[in-house]
Amino acid sequence: MPYFVYMLLSKHKGRFISYVGYSNNLEKRLSLHNSSKGAKFTKGKKWTVIYRKKYLNKSSAMKDEYKLKKDYKLRNKIKKKFIKK
C-alpha cells in the first residue's frame, strides 16, 4: 500500500503557515484537515496541498515526514515556490 508525505499551506492572520504529515489516503486526509477533524494544529483553517511524495511503505514515509518537519529551510523553500504562483 502506498503512503504519501505531504505539506499543506494555509493563510492565517496575514501570514502563510505550513503543516507536514503522512497518510495512505491523501484526499481523505486533506478533507479531514479542512473539516476541522484532522490534527489539532490544522483546525479552523483552509488547507491546500503544496507538496506530496509517494512511498512504497509506511516506514519510509514516516522517516521522510520527520525529516521534512524538522527541516525549516526546505519547508520555506517549498512554501516560497507556491506563494509566488
C-alpha atoms as a PDB file:
ATOM      1  CA  MET A   1       0.000   0.000   0.000  1.00  0.00           C
ATOM      2  CA  PRO A   2       1.492   3.382  -0.962  1.00  0.00           C
ATOM      3  CA  TYR A   3       1.914   6.189   1.544  1.00  0.00           C
ATOM      4  CA  PHE A   4       2.350   9.906   0.948  1.00  0.00           C
ATOM      5  CA  VAL A   5       4.294  12.590   2.745  1.00  0.00           C
ATOM      6  CA  TYR A   6       2.561  15.898   2.194  1.00  0.00           C
ATOM      7  CA  MET A   7       2.858  19.560   3.043  1.00  0.00           C
ATOM      8  CA  LEU A   8      -0.159  21.810   3.444  1.00  0.00           C
ATOM      9  CA  LEU A   9      -0.309  25.582   3.258  1.00  0.00           C
ATOM     10  CA  SER A  10      -2.819  27.999   4.739  1.00  0.00           C
ATOM     11  CA  LYS A  11      -3.018  31.753   5.203  1.00  0.00           C
ATOM     12  CA  HIS A  12      -3.751  32.684   8.806  1.00  0.00           C
ATOM     13  CA  LYS A  13      -3.717  36.179  10.297  1.00  0.00           C
ATOM     14  CA  GLY A  14      -1.925  37.614   7.264  1.00  0.00           C
ATOM     15  CA  ARG A  15       0.882  35.068   7.072  1.00  0.00           C
ATOM     16  CA  PHE A  16       1.376  31.685   5.486  1.00  0.00           C
ATOM     17  CA  ILE A  17       1.722  28.624   7.718  1.00  0.00           C
ATOM     18  CA  SER A  18       2.546  25.046   6.778  1.00  0.00           C
ATOM     19  CA  TYR A  19       1.783  21.594   8.109  1.00  0.00           C
ATOM     20  CA  VAL A  20       3.587  18.339   7.272  1.00  0.00           C
ATOM     21  CA  GLY A  21       2.092  14.866   7.614  1.00  0.00           C
ATOM     22  CA  TYR A  22       1.833  11.410   6.078  1.00  0.00           C
ATOM     23  CA  SER A  23      -1.123   9.309   5.004  1.00  0.00           C
ATOM     24  CA  ASN A  24      -2.126   6.371   2.842  1.00  0.00           C
ATOM     25  CA  ASN A  25      -5.178   8.317   1.590  1.00  0.00           C
ATOM     26  CA  LEU A  26      -4.204  11.900   0.862  1.00  0.00           C
ATOM     27  CA  GLU A  27      -7.601  13.098  -0.396  1.00  0.00           C
ATOM     28  CA  LYS A  28      -9.395  11.807   2.700  1.00  0.00           C
ATOM     29  CA  ARG A  29      -6.737  13.270   4.990  1.00  0.00           C
ATOM     30  CA  LEU A  30      -6.986  16.702   3.368  1.00  0.00           C
ATOM     31  CA  SER A  31     -10.757  16.549   3.741  1.00  0.00           C
ATOM     32  CA  LEU A  32     -10.353  15.810   7.456  1.00  0.00           C
ATOM     33  CA  HIS A  33      -7.943  18.729   7.911  1.00  0.00           C
ATOM     34  CA  ASN A  34     -10.308  21.125   6.122  1.00  0.00           C
ATOM     35  CA  SER A  35     -13.336  19.964   8.118  1.00  0.00           C
ATOM     36  CA  SER A  36     -11.516  20.522  11.441  1.00  0.00           C
ATOM     37  CA  LYS A  37     -11.372  16.780  12.155  1.00  0.00           C
ATOM     38  CA  GLY A  38      -7.658  16.371  11.400  1.00  0.00           C
ATOM     39  CA  ALA A  39      -4.713  17.335  13.586  1.00  0.00           C
ATOM     40  CA  LYS A  40      -5.338  19.906  16.327  1.00  0.00           C
ATOM     41  CA  PHE A  41      -2.969  22.404  14.667  1.00  0.00           C
ATOM     42  CA  THR A  42      -4.957  22.380  11.411  1.00  0.00           C
ATOM     43  CA  LYS A  43      -8.409  23.044  12.886  1.00  0.00           C
ATOM     44  CA  GLY A  44     -10.306  26.088  11.657  1.00  0.00           C
ATOM     45  CA  LYS A  45      -8.115  26.784   8.627  1.00  0.00           C
ATOM     46  CA  LYS A  46      -8.471  26.140   4.881  1.00  0.00           C
ATOM     47  CA  TRP A  47      -5.562  23.987   3.659  1.00  0.00           C
ATOM     48  CA  THR A  48      -4.068  23.389   0.218  1.00  0.00           C
ATOM     49  CA  VAL A  49      -1.619  20.611  -0.682  1.00  0.00           C
ATOM     50  CA  ILE A  50       1.600  22.176  -1.999  1.00  0.00           C
ATOM     51  CA  TYR A  51       3.895  19.132  -1.825  1.00  0.00           C
ATOM     52  CA  ARG A  52       3.397  15.380  -1.985  1.00  0.00           C
ATOM     53  CA  LYS A  53       5.751  12.455  -2.400  1.00  0.00           C
ATOM     54  CA  LYS A  54       4.782   8.793  -2.772  1.00  0.00           C
ATOM     55  CA  TYR A  55       6.435   5.963  -0.807  1.00  0.00           C
ATOM     56  CA  LEU A  56       6.086   2.213  -1.094  1.00  0.00           C
ATOM     57  CA  ASN A  57       5.879   1.621   2.654  1.00  0.00           C
ATOM     58  CA  LYS A  58       4.860   3.359   5.861  1.00  0.00           C
ATOM     59  CA  SER A  59       8.323   3.212   7.424  1.00  0.00           C
ATOM     60  CA  SER A  60       9.972   5.192   4.608  1.00  0.00           C
ATOM     61  CA  ALA A  61       7.164   7.744   4.629  1.00  0.00           C
ATOM     62  CA  MET A  62       7.421   8.252   8.386  1.00  0.00           C
ATOM     63  CA  LYS A  63      11.196   8.757   8.224  1.00  0.00           C
ATOM     64  CA  ASP A  64      10.948  11.385   5.493  1.00  0.00           C
ATOM     65  CA  GLU A  65       7.985  13.081   7.177  1.00  0.00           C
ATOM     66  CA  TYR A  66      10.096  13.511  10.310  1.00  0.00           C
ATOM     67  CA  LYS A  67      12.978  14.965   8.285  1.00  0.00           C
ATOM     68  CA  LEU A  68      10.723  17.419   6.442  1.00  0.00           C
ATOM     69  CA  LYS A  69       9.056  18.512   9.695  1.00  0.00           C
ATOM     70  CA  LYS A  70      12.446  19.429  11.145  1.00  0.00           C
ATOM     71  CA  ASP A  71      13.982  20.990   8.003  1.00  0.00           C
ATOM     72  CA  TYR A  72      12.576  24.533   8.103  1.00  0.00           C
ATOM     73  CA  LYS A  73      14.844  25.740   5.289  1.00  0.00           C
ATOM     74  CA  LEU A  74      13.383  23.162   2.909  1.00  0.00           C
ATOM     75  CA  ARG A  75       9.835  23.870   4.102  1.00  0.00           C
ATOM     76  CA  ASN A  76      10.312  27.594   3.457  1.00  0.00           C
ATOM     77  CA  LYS A  77      11.780  26.874   0.026  1.00  0.00           C
ATOM     78  CA  ILE A  78       8.700  24.802  -0.898  1.00  0.00           C
ATOM     79  CA  LYS A  79       6.371  27.483   0.513  1.00  0.00           C
ATOM     80  CA  LYS A  80       8.059  30.270  -1.457  1.00  0.00           C
ATOM     81  CA  LYS A  81       7.660  28.347  -4.726  1.00  0.00           C
ATOM     82  CA  PHE A  82       3.938  28.011  -4.130  1.00  0.00           C
ATOM     83  CA  ILE A  83       3.327  31.546  -2.824  1.00  0.00           C
ATOM     84  CA  LYS A  84       4.919  33.098  -5.948  1.00  0.00           C
ATOM     85  CA  LYS A  85       2.348  31.379  -8.219  1.00  0.00           C
END
